[in-house]
C-alpha cells in the first residue's frame, strides 16, 4: 500500500491511498489535513512549540492529483505564532488551514491531567469491512480500525482505535500531529444514528 503522498519537487503527488468513500477521483480530508499540518510544523521548525489550535476550510473538493502547497507565517511571536497553509490542484485552491503554534517552554503551559476514564483496551482483531453499502476505498484501507464498542455495521455510539498503516509522505517519518490530523475527518464515520 502506497504512502498518501510522494514529493515531486515542490508538489505532492496524491496516491490512491488518499481516496475517500464518495468518489474515486476525490481525496478524503484526513490525508490533506495531515499534509498541511506537517508542512506548518516543518516551516515553523521550533521544537519548543506545538500546534495548539488547527482549523481547516475546504474551498471545494480535493482531487486525487498533484498538490501545490504553500505555507506562510501570518503573525510571528516568541510565545505564540499564527501560520497558514493551503493546497491547490490544477490552479484551484482546494483547502486552506490555519494553525496557532504555542510555546511549551517549562513553566509557560503547565500540563493538565484530565480525570477522564481510561480508554477501553484495544481489541486483538482489526475489522476488514466498513459500512455494507460502502465499498473499500484507499483511505479506509490505509488505516487500521479496531472497535472495542459499536462498529461500522451498528447504529449508535461507538469507540474506535485507529492507526495509520501507511506513511504520510514517502520517505518521511510520521509526526504525532500527522497521526491525529489524518483522523480528523473520520469521526463522523465511526458511528451513525441513521443507516448510511
C-alpha atoms as a PDB file:
ATOM      1  CA  UNK A   1       0.000   0.000   0.000  1.00  0.00           C
ATOM      2  CA  UNK A   2       1.379   3.400  -1.035  1.00  0.00           C
ATOM      3  CA  UNK A   3       2.053   6.376   1.236  1.00  0.00           C
ATOM      4  CA  UNK A   4      -0.576   9.108   0.975  1.00  0.00           C
ATOM      5  CA  UNK A   5       1.795  11.393  -0.952  1.00  0.00           C
ATOM      6  CA  UNK A   6       5.074  11.347  -2.855  1.00  0.00           C
ATOM      7  CA  UNK A   7       7.058  14.553  -3.026  1.00  0.00           C
ATOM      8  CA  UNK A   8       7.827  15.762  -6.549  1.00  0.00           C
ATOM      9  CA  UNK A   9       9.945  18.898  -6.096  1.00  0.00           C
ATOM     10  CA  UNK A  10       7.539  21.467  -4.674  1.00  0.00           C
ATOM     11  CA  UNK A  11       4.451  19.347  -5.405  1.00  0.00           C
ATOM     12  CA  UNK A  12       2.923  16.376  -3.630  1.00  0.00           C
ATOM     13  CA  UNK A  13       1.549  13.596  -5.819  1.00  0.00           C
ATOM     14  CA  UNK A  14      -1.581  12.062  -4.280  1.00  0.00           C
ATOM     15  CA  UNK A  15      -1.710   8.272  -4.226  1.00  0.00           C
ATOM     16  CA  UNK A  16      -4.790   6.023  -4.375  1.00  0.00           C
ATOM     17  CA  UNK A  17      -4.453   5.735  -0.572  1.00  0.00           C
ATOM     18  CA  UNK A  18      -5.917   9.271  -0.282  1.00  0.00           C
ATOM     19  CA  UNK A  19      -9.211   8.311  -1.993  1.00  0.00           C
ATOM     20  CA  UNK A  20     -12.341   8.880   0.101  1.00  0.00           C
ATOM     21  CA  UNK A  21     -15.553   6.817   0.057  1.00  0.00           C
ATOM     22  CA  UNK A  22     -17.695   9.015  -2.182  1.00  0.00           C
ATOM     23  CA  UNK A  23     -15.787   9.368  -5.464  1.00  0.00           C
ATOM     24  CA  UNK A  24     -12.616   7.558  -6.667  1.00  0.00           C
ATOM     25  CA  UNK A  25     -11.291  10.864  -8.070  1.00  0.00           C
ATOM     26  CA  UNK A  26     -11.547  12.770  -4.758  1.00  0.00           C
ATOM     27  CA  UNK A  27      -9.420  12.704  -1.619  1.00  0.00           C
ATOM     28  CA  UNK A  28     -10.571  12.126   1.928  1.00  0.00           C
ATOM     29  CA  UNK A  29      -9.982  15.160   4.157  1.00  0.00           C
ATOM     30  CA  UNK A  30      -7.678  13.367   6.615  1.00  0.00           C
ATOM     31  CA  UNK A  31      -4.568  12.985   4.448  1.00  0.00           C
ATOM     32  CA  UNK A  32      -4.584  16.595   3.207  1.00  0.00           C
ATOM     33  CA  UNK A  33      -5.131  17.895   6.760  1.00  0.00           C
ATOM     34  CA  UNK A  34      -2.102  15.911   7.909  1.00  0.00           C
ATOM     35  CA  UNK A  35      -0.039  17.094   4.936  1.00  0.00           C
ATOM     36  CA  UNK A  36      -0.734  20.782   5.573  1.00  0.00           C
ATOM     37  CA  UNK A  37      -0.290  20.451   9.346  1.00  0.00           C
ATOM     38  CA  UNK A  38       3.112  18.839   8.978  1.00  0.00           C
ATOM     39  CA  UNK A  39       4.230  21.400   6.404  1.00  0.00           C
ATOM     40  CA  UNK A  40       3.449  24.083   9.005  1.00  0.00           C
ATOM     41  CA  UNK A  41       5.408  22.126  11.627  1.00  0.00           C
ATOM     42  CA  UNK A  42       8.385  21.922   9.267  1.00  0.00           C
ATOM     43  CA  UNK A  43       8.231  25.599   8.270  1.00  0.00           C
ATOM     44  CA  UNK A  44       7.979  26.746  11.899  1.00  0.00           C
ATOM     45  CA  UNK A  45      10.900  24.452  12.817  1.00  0.00           C
ATOM     46  CA  UNK A  46      10.592  25.168  16.536  1.00  0.00           C
ATOM     47  CA  UNK A  47      10.988  22.189  18.860  1.00  0.00           C
ATOM     48  CA  UNK A  48       9.893  24.445  21.749  1.00  0.00           C
ATOM     49  CA  UNK A  49       6.428  24.919  20.179  1.00  0.00           C
ATOM     50  CA  UNK A  50       3.452  22.757  19.326  1.00  0.00           C
ATOM     51  CA  UNK A  51       0.289  23.256  17.311  1.00  0.00           C
ATOM     52  CA  UNK A  52      -2.293  24.397  19.866  1.00  0.00           C
ATOM     53  CA  UNK A  53      -5.195  25.155  17.522  1.00  0.00           C
ATOM     54  CA  UNK A  54      -5.854  23.954  13.964  1.00  0.00           C
ATOM     55  CA  UNK A  55      -8.717  24.892  11.653  1.00  0.00           C
ATOM     56  CA  UNK A  56      -9.404  23.761   8.120  1.00  0.00           C
ATOM     57  CA  UNK A  57     -11.635  25.097   5.359  1.00  0.00           C
ATOM     58  CA  UNK A  58     -12.467  23.132   2.239  1.00  0.00           C
ATOM     59  CA  UNK A  59     -12.748  25.527  -0.689  1.00  0.00           C
ATOM     60  CA  UNK A  60     -14.116  22.670  -2.802  1.00  0.00           C
ATOM     61  CA  UNK A  61     -13.412  19.002  -3.489  1.00  0.00           C
ATOM     62  CA  UNK A  62      -9.776  17.896  -3.264  1.00  0.00           C
ATOM     63  CA  UNK A  63      -8.915  15.887  -6.396  1.00  0.00           C
ATOM     64  CA  UNK A  64      -6.523  12.935  -6.399  1.00  0.00           C
ATOM     65  CA  UNK A  65      -3.868  14.943  -8.236  1.00  0.00           C
ATOM     66  CA  UNK A  66      -0.578  16.744  -7.748  1.00  0.00           C
ATOM     67  CA  UNK A  67      -0.959  19.333  -4.983  1.00  0.00           C
ATOM     68  CA  UNK A  68       0.837  22.657  -4.804  1.00  0.00           C
ATOM     69  CA  UNK A  69       1.359  23.525  -1.141  1.00  0.00           C
ATOM     70  CA  UNK A  70       2.103  26.998   0.204  1.00  0.00           C
ATOM     71  CA  UNK A  71       2.941  27.791   3.819  1.00  0.00           C
ATOM     72  CA  UNK A  72       3.388  31.164   5.466  1.00  0.00           C
ATOM     73  CA  UNK A  73       3.644  32.810   8.853  1.00  0.00           C
ATOM     74  CA  UNK A  74       0.745  35.189   9.462  1.00  0.00           C
ATOM     75  CA  UNK A  75       1.811  36.520  12.867  1.00  0.00           C
ATOM     76  CA  UNK A  76       5.290  35.959  14.323  1.00  0.00           C
ATOM     77  CA  UNK A  77       5.879  35.719  18.039  1.00  0.00           C
ATOM     78  CA  UNK A  78       8.175  34.222  20.677  1.00  0.00           C
ATOM     79  CA  UNK A  79       5.404  32.538  22.669  1.00  0.00           C
ATOM     80  CA  UNK A  80       2.639  32.239  20.098  1.00  0.00           C
ATOM     81  CA  UNK A  81       2.618  32.480  16.321  1.00  0.00           C
ATOM     82  CA  UNK A  82      -0.020  32.092  13.642  1.00  0.00           C
ATOM     83  CA  UNK A  83       0.621  30.082  10.469  1.00  0.00           C
ATOM     84  CA  UNK A  84      -1.427  29.282   7.391  1.00  0.00           C
ATOM     85  CA  UNK A  85      -1.088  26.770   4.577  1.00  0.00           C
ATOM     86  CA  UNK A  86      -3.064  25.864   1.501  1.00  0.00           C
ATOM     87  CA  UNK A  87      -3.207  23.119  -1.103  1.00  0.00           C
ATOM     88  CA  UNK A  88      -4.117  23.822  -4.703  1.00  0.00           C
ATOM     89  CA  UNK A  89      -4.702  21.410  -7.562  1.00  0.00           C
ATOM     90  CA  UNK A  90      -4.772  22.346 -11.232  1.00  0.00           C
ATOM     91  CA  UNK A  91      -4.585  26.035 -10.339  1.00  0.00           C
ATOM     92  CA  UNK A  92      -7.536  25.996  -7.903  1.00  0.00           C
ATOM     93  CA  UNK A  93      -7.217  26.328  -4.124  1.00  0.00           C
ATOM     94  CA  UNK A  94      -8.881  23.286  -2.568  1.00  0.00           C
ATOM     95  CA  UNK A  95      -8.016  23.532   1.140  1.00  0.00           C
ATOM     96  CA  UNK A  96      -6.836  26.257   3.498  1.00  0.00           C
ATOM     97  CA  UNK A  97      -5.686  25.726   7.093  1.00  0.00           C
ATOM     98  CA  UNK A  98      -4.730  27.974   9.996  1.00  0.00           C
ATOM     99  CA  UNK A  99      -2.669  26.899  12.972  1.00  0.00           C
ATOM    100  CA  UNK A 100      -1.556  28.626  16.138  1.00  0.00           C
ATOM    101  CA  UNK A 101       1.824  27.493  17.454  1.00  0.00           C
ATOM    102  CA  UNK A 102       2.247  27.793  21.212  1.00  0.00           C
ATOM    103  CA  UNK A 103       5.471  27.757  23.212  1.00  0.00           C
ATOM    104  CA  UNK A 104       5.685  24.787  25.562  1.00  0.00           C
ATOM    105  CA  UNK A 105       8.721  26.019  27.456  1.00  0.00           C
ATOM    106  CA  UNK A 106       8.775  24.851  31.069  1.00  0.00           C
ATOM    107  CA  UNK A 107       6.584  26.984  33.309  1.00  0.00           C
ATOM    108  CA  UNK A 108       4.596  28.585  30.484  1.00  0.00           C
ATOM    109  CA  UNK A 109       1.926  25.984  29.856  1.00  0.00           C
ATOM    110  CA  UNK A 110       1.534  23.538  32.723  1.00  0.00           C
ATOM    111  CA  UNK A 111       0.379  20.040  31.926  1.00  0.00           C
ATOM    112  CA  UNK A 112      -3.206  19.386  32.898  1.00  0.00           C
ATOM    113  CA  UNK A 113      -4.107  15.843  33.790  1.00  0.00           C
ATOM    114  CA  UNK A 114      -7.737  15.218  32.964  1.00  0.00           C
ATOM    115  CA  UNK A 115      -9.594  12.870  35.250  1.00  0.00           C
ATOM    116  CA  UNK A 116     -11.218  11.002  32.365  1.00  0.00           C
ATOM    117  CA  UNK A 117     -11.699   7.266  32.470  1.00  0.00           C
ATOM    118  CA  UNK A 118      -9.008   5.369  30.608  1.00  0.00           C
ATOM    119  CA  UNK A 119      -9.928   4.261  27.081  1.00  0.00           C
ATOM    120  CA  UNK A 120     -11.131   0.688  26.611  1.00  0.00           C
ATOM    121  CA  UNK A 121      -8.470  -1.871  25.716  1.00  0.00           C
ATOM    122  CA  UNK A 122      -7.640  -2.219  22.034  1.00  0.00           C
ATOM    123  CA  UNK A 123      -9.198  -5.362  20.534  1.00  0.00           C
ATOM    124  CA  UNK A 124      -6.837  -8.026  19.194  1.00  0.00           C
ATOM    125  CA  UNK A 125      -8.502  -8.039  15.759  1.00  0.00           C
ATOM    126  CA  UNK A 126      -8.900  -5.215  13.240  1.00  0.00           C
ATOM    127  CA  UNK A 127     -12.098  -5.056  11.175  1.00  0.00           C
ATOM    128  CA  UNK A 128     -11.983  -5.942   7.481  1.00  0.00           C
ATOM    129  CA  UNK A 129     -15.195  -4.317   6.188  1.00  0.00           C
ATOM    130  CA  UNK A 130     -16.833  -0.907   6.522  1.00  0.00           C
ATOM    131  CA  UNK A 131     -20.464   0.070   6.134  1.00  0.00           C
ATOM    132  CA  UNK A 132     -22.083  -2.625   3.982  1.00  0.00           C
ATOM    133  CA  UNK A 133     -23.257  -0.131   1.340  1.00  0.00           C
ATOM    134  CA  UNK A 134     -19.777   1.445   1.009  1.00  0.00           C
ATOM    135  CA  UNK A 135     -17.136  -0.469  -0.987  1.00  0.00           C
ATOM    136  CA  UNK A 136     -13.472  -0.442   0.037  1.00  0.00           C
ATOM    137  CA  UNK A 137     -11.631   2.828  -0.654  1.00  0.00           C
ATOM    138  CA  UNK A 138      -7.977   3.907  -0.385  1.00  0.00           C
ATOM    139  CA  UNK A 139      -8.146   5.985   2.788  1.00  0.00           C
ATOM    140  CA  UNK A 140     -10.249   3.387   4.604  1.00  0.00           C
ATOM    141  CA  UNK A 141      -7.749   0.673   3.733  1.00  0.00           C
ATOM    142  CA  UNK A 142      -4.777   2.886   4.681  1.00  0.00           C
ATOM    143  CA  UNK A 143      -5.891   2.835   8.319  1.00  0.00           C
ATOM    144  CA  UNK A 144      -6.391   0.022  10.764  1.00  0.00           C
ATOM    145  CA  UNK A 145      -9.743   0.172  12.578  1.00  0.00           C
ATOM    146  CA  UNK A 146     -10.470  -1.690  15.852  1.00  0.00           C
ATOM    147  CA  UNK A 147     -13.784  -1.294  17.691  1.00  0.00           C
ATOM    148  CA  UNK A 148     -13.996  -2.165  21.400  1.00  0.00           C
ATOM    149  CA  UNK A 149     -17.571  -0.767  21.370  1.00  0.00           C
ATOM    150  CA  UNK A 150     -20.001  -0.443  18.448  1.00  0.00           C
ATOM    151  CA  UNK A 151     -18.850  -0.659  14.861  1.00  0.00           C
ATOM    152  CA  UNK A 152     -19.446   0.400  11.289  1.00  0.00           C
ATOM    153  CA  UNK A 153     -22.304  -2.089  10.972  1.00  0.00           C
ATOM    154  CA  UNK A 154     -24.073  -0.985  14.175  1.00  0.00           C
ATOM    155  CA  UNK A 155     -26.193   2.123  14.659  1.00  0.00           C
ATOM    156  CA  UNK A 156     -25.474   4.244  17.715  1.00  0.00           C
ATOM    157  CA  UNK A 157     -22.381   5.232  19.690  1.00  0.00           C
ATOM    158  CA  UNK A 158     -19.042   3.564  19.031  1.00  0.00           C
ATOM    159  CA  UNK A 159     -15.478   3.664  20.277  1.00  0.00           C
ATOM    160  CA  UNK A 160     -12.674   3.022  17.830  1.00  0.00           C
ATOM    161  CA  UNK A 161      -8.922   2.639  17.919  1.00  0.00           C
ATOM    162  CA  UNK A 162      -7.385   3.657  14.583  1.00  0.00           C
ATOM    163  CA  UNK A 163      -3.858   3.982  13.285  1.00  0.00           C
ATOM    164  CA  UNK A 164      -2.092   4.608  10.008  1.00  0.00           C
ATOM    165  CA  UNK A 165      -0.811   1.655   8.012  1.00  0.00           C
ATOM    166  CA  UNK A 166       0.971   3.959   5.529  1.00  0.00           C
ATOM    167  CA  UNK A 167       3.286   6.938   5.784  1.00  0.00           C
ATOM    168  CA  UNK A 168       2.080  10.448   5.076  1.00  0.00           C
ATOM    169  CA  UNK A 169       4.836  11.421   2.621  1.00  0.00           C
ATOM    170  CA  UNK A 170       7.027   8.697   1.164  1.00  0.00           C
ATOM    171  CA  UNK A 171      10.394   8.557   2.947  1.00  0.00           C
ATOM    172  CA  UNK A 172       9.408  10.932   5.765  1.00  0.00           C
ATOM    173  CA  UNK A 173       8.720   9.990   9.401  1.00  0.00           C
ATOM    174  CA  UNK A 174       5.123  10.467  10.539  1.00  0.00           C
ATOM    175  CA  UNK A 175       4.797  13.043  13.324  1.00  0.00           C
ATOM    176  CA  UNK A 176       2.300  12.715  16.191  1.00  0.00           C
ATOM    177  CA  UNK A 177       0.425  15.716  14.751  1.00  0.00           C
ATOM    178  CA  UNK A 178       0.110  13.954  11.378  1.00  0.00           C
ATOM    179  CA  UNK A 179      -1.301  10.851  13.074  1.00  0.00           C
ATOM    180  CA  UNK A 180      -4.033  12.937  14.715  1.00  0.00           C
ATOM    181  CA  UNK A 181      -4.828  15.106  11.707  1.00  0.00           C
ATOM    182  CA  UNK A 182      -5.066  12.085   9.407  1.00  0.00           C
ATOM    183  CA  UNK A 183      -8.070  11.041  11.513  1.00  0.00           C
ATOM    184  CA  UNK A 184      -9.876  14.393  11.946  1.00  0.00           C
ATOM    185  CA  UNK A 185     -12.287  13.906   9.073  1.00  0.00           C
ATOM    186  CA  UNK A 186     -13.226  10.373  10.200  1.00  0.00           C
ATOM    187  CA  UNK A 187     -15.043  10.912  13.490  1.00  0.00           C
ATOM    188  CA  UNK A 188     -18.398  11.327  11.748  1.00  0.00           C
ATOM    189  CA  UNK A 189     -17.964   7.888  10.143  1.00  0.00           C
ATOM    190  CA  UNK A 190     -17.118   6.000  13.331  1.00  0.00           C
ATOM    191  CA  UNK A 191     -20.751   5.852  14.438  1.00  0.00           C
ATOM    192  CA  UNK A 192     -24.098   6.716  12.905  1.00  0.00           C
ATOM    193  CA  UNK A 193     -27.649   7.214  14.098  1.00  0.00           C
ATOM    194  CA  UNK A 194     -29.067   6.597  10.601  1.00  0.00           C
ATOM    195  CA  UNK A 195     -28.254   3.898   8.073  1.00  0.00           C
ATOM    196  CA  UNK A 196     -25.645   5.131   5.578  1.00  0.00           C
END
